[in-house]
Amino acid sequence: MSSRELEASVRVVGGVPVIDLRGELDGSGADLLAAVTRTAEREGAKLIALNFTEVGFINSKGIALIVNQIMRAREEGYELVAYGLSNHYRQIFTITRLTDFIHVTDDEENAVKTLSLIT
């Protein structure tokens, strides 16, 4: 199985910065994820969405990067919402209690609606 290096970009939907992730989320994506997070933070939103729709694999180092995202969000005063997770990764988010710190929705529309729930 060939690995697909992480790619990420930011766009804004309904006032919510969305970080589109593509590829595999592992430790090698740390610098890229930090850079796109800073870009998203410049929007000044109270919520940032993480789009996992095109993420095929997350390993333990990738989970650690997500934990870093949570810590960053707390430091900077915004919340995170994730969508597009496969059933497998939704279960992992639940088992590891990431869902205690990240809102998880099924799709982008519901992710953006999360903003109205937190403001």
Protein backbone atom coordinates (compact mmCIF):
# COMPACT_ATOMS: atom_id res chain seq x y z
CA MET A 1 0.00 0.00 0.00
CA SER A 2 1.47 3.34 -0.99
CA SER A 3 1.16 6.26 1.36
CA ARG A 4 -0.30 9.55 0.31
CA GLU A 5 1.42 12.58 1.81
CA LEU A 6 -0.83 14.97 3.68
CA GLU A 7 -2.13 17.96 1.76
CA ALA A 8 -4.16 20.73 3.36
CA SER A 9 -5.80 23.99 2.39
CA VAL A 10 -8.13 26.53 3.97
CA ARG A 11 -11.36 28.01 2.67
CA VAL A 12 -14.17 29.87 4.45
CA VAL A 13 -17.80 28.69 4.39
CA GLY A 14 -20.48 30.71 6.16
CA GLY A 15 -17.90 32.51 8.27
CA VAL A 16 -16.24 29.25 9.34
CA PRO A 17 -12.67 28.50 8.23
CA VAL A 18 -12.56 24.94 6.88
CA ILE A 19 -9.26 23.06 6.79
CA ASP A 20 -9.54 20.52 3.98
CA LEU A 21 -7.25 17.57 4.69
CA ARG A 22 -6.26 15.06 2.00
CA GLY A 23 -4.04 11.99 2.25
CA GLU A 24 -2.66 10.36 5.37
CA LEU A 25 -2.53 12.06 8.74
CA ASP A 26 0.65 11.04 10.49
CA GLY A 27 3.55 12.80 12.16
CA SER A 28 5.01 13.97 8.86
CA GLY A 29 2.16 16.46 8.42
CA ALA A 30 2.89 18.45 11.59
CA ASP A 31 4.41 21.54 9.94
CA LEU A 32 1.76 21.71 7.23
CA LEU A 33 -1.09 21.34 9.71
CA ALA A 34 0.40 24.05 11.94
CA ALA A 35 0.73 26.42 8.96
CA VAL A 36 -2.83 25.93 7.70
CA THR A 37 -4.13 26.27 11.24
CA ARG A 38 -2.44 29.67 11.57
CA THR A 39 -4.01 30.67 8.24
CA ALA A 40 -7.45 29.60 9.48
CA GLU A 41 -6.95 31.44 12.77
CA ARG A 42 -6.37 34.70 10.89
CA GLU A 43 -10.07 34.60 9.97
CA GLY A 44 -10.78 35.36 13.64
CA ALA A 45 -13.60 32.82 13.87
CA LYS A 46 -14.83 31.17 17.05
CA LEU A 47 -14.95 27.84 15.20
CA ILE A 48 -12.61 26.04 12.81
CA ALA A 49 -13.78 22.99 10.88
CA LEU A 50 -11.54 20.04 10.05
CA ASN A 51 -12.65 18.23 6.90
CA PHE A 52 -11.55 14.58 7.02
CA THR A 53 -13.53 13.51 3.94
CA GLU A 54 -10.38 12.75 1.92
CA VAL A 55 -8.24 11.38 4.77
CA GLY A 56 -7.70 7.67 4.26
CA PHE A 57 -5.48 6.89 7.22
CA ILE A 58 -4.74 8.33 10.67
CA ASN A 59 -2.10 6.73 12.86
CA SER A 60 -1.20 7.41 16.50
CA LYS A 61 1.04 10.32 15.49
CA GLY A 62 -1.88 11.73 13.53
CA ILE A 63 -4.05 11.47 16.64
CA ALA A 64 -1.31 13.35 18.50
CA LEU A 65 -1.53 16.11 15.87
CA ILE A 66 -5.28 16.31 16.47
CA VAL A 67 -4.62 16.61 20.22
CA ASN A 68 -2.21 19.46 19.40
CA GLN A 69 -5.04 21.09 17.41
CA ILE A 70 -7.27 20.85 20.49
CA MET A 71 -4.62 22.45 22.70
CA ARG A 72 -4.06 25.21 20.16
CA ALA A 73 -7.80 25.89 19.94
CA ARG A 74 -8.03 26.19 23.71
CA GLU A 75 -5.04 28.56 23.84
CA GLU A 76 -6.42 30.75 21.04
CA GLY A 77 -10.05 30.71 22.21
CA TYR A 78 -11.93 28.90 19.45
CA GLU A 79 -13.62 25.53 19.09
CA LEU A 80 -13.10 22.72 16.61
CA VAL A 81 -15.60 20.72 14.61
CA ALA A 82 -14.70 17.67 12.52
CA TYR A 83 -16.65 16.11 9.69
CA GLY A 84 -16.15 13.51 7.01
CA LEU A 85 -14.75 10.92 9.39
CA SER A 86 -15.26 7.29 8.41
CA ASN A 87 -17.19 5.14 10.87
CA HIS A 88 -13.90 3.60 11.98
CA TYR A 89 -12.33 6.96 12.82
CA ARG A 90 -15.55 8.22 14.46
CA GLN A 91 -15.26 5.23 16.78
CA ILE A 92 -11.61 6.03 17.48
CA PHE A 93 -12.51 9.66 18.24
CA THR A 94 -15.15 8.38 20.67
CA ILE A 95 -12.94 5.73 22.32
CA THR A 96 -10.06 8.18 22.77
CA ARG A 97 -12.53 10.82 24.03
CA LEU A 98 -11.51 13.33 21.37
CA THR A 99 -15.24 13.92 20.99
CA ASP A 100 -15.17 15.53 24.43
CA PHE A 101 -13.16 18.37 22.86
CA ILE A 102 -14.14 18.36 19.17
CA HIS A 103 -17.68 18.58 17.85
CA VAL A 104 -18.19 15.80 15.29
CA THR A 105 -20.80 16.11 12.55
CA ASP A 106 -21.67 14.16 9.44
CA ASP A 107 -21.10 16.85 6.84
CA GLU A 108 -19.98 20.39 6.09
CA GLU A 109 -23.47 21.88 6.37
CA ASN A 110 -23.87 20.64 9.94
CA ALA A 111 -20.29 21.59 10.79
CA VAL A 112 -20.94 25.19 9.77
CA LYS A 113 -24.22 25.19 11.73
CA THR A 114 -22.19 24.34 14.85
CA LEU A 115 -21.13 28.00 14.92
CA SER A 116 -24.66 29.05 15.84
CA LEU A 117 -24.66 26.53 18.70
CA ILE A 118 -21.51 27.89 20.33
CA THR A 119 -22.08 31.64 19.94
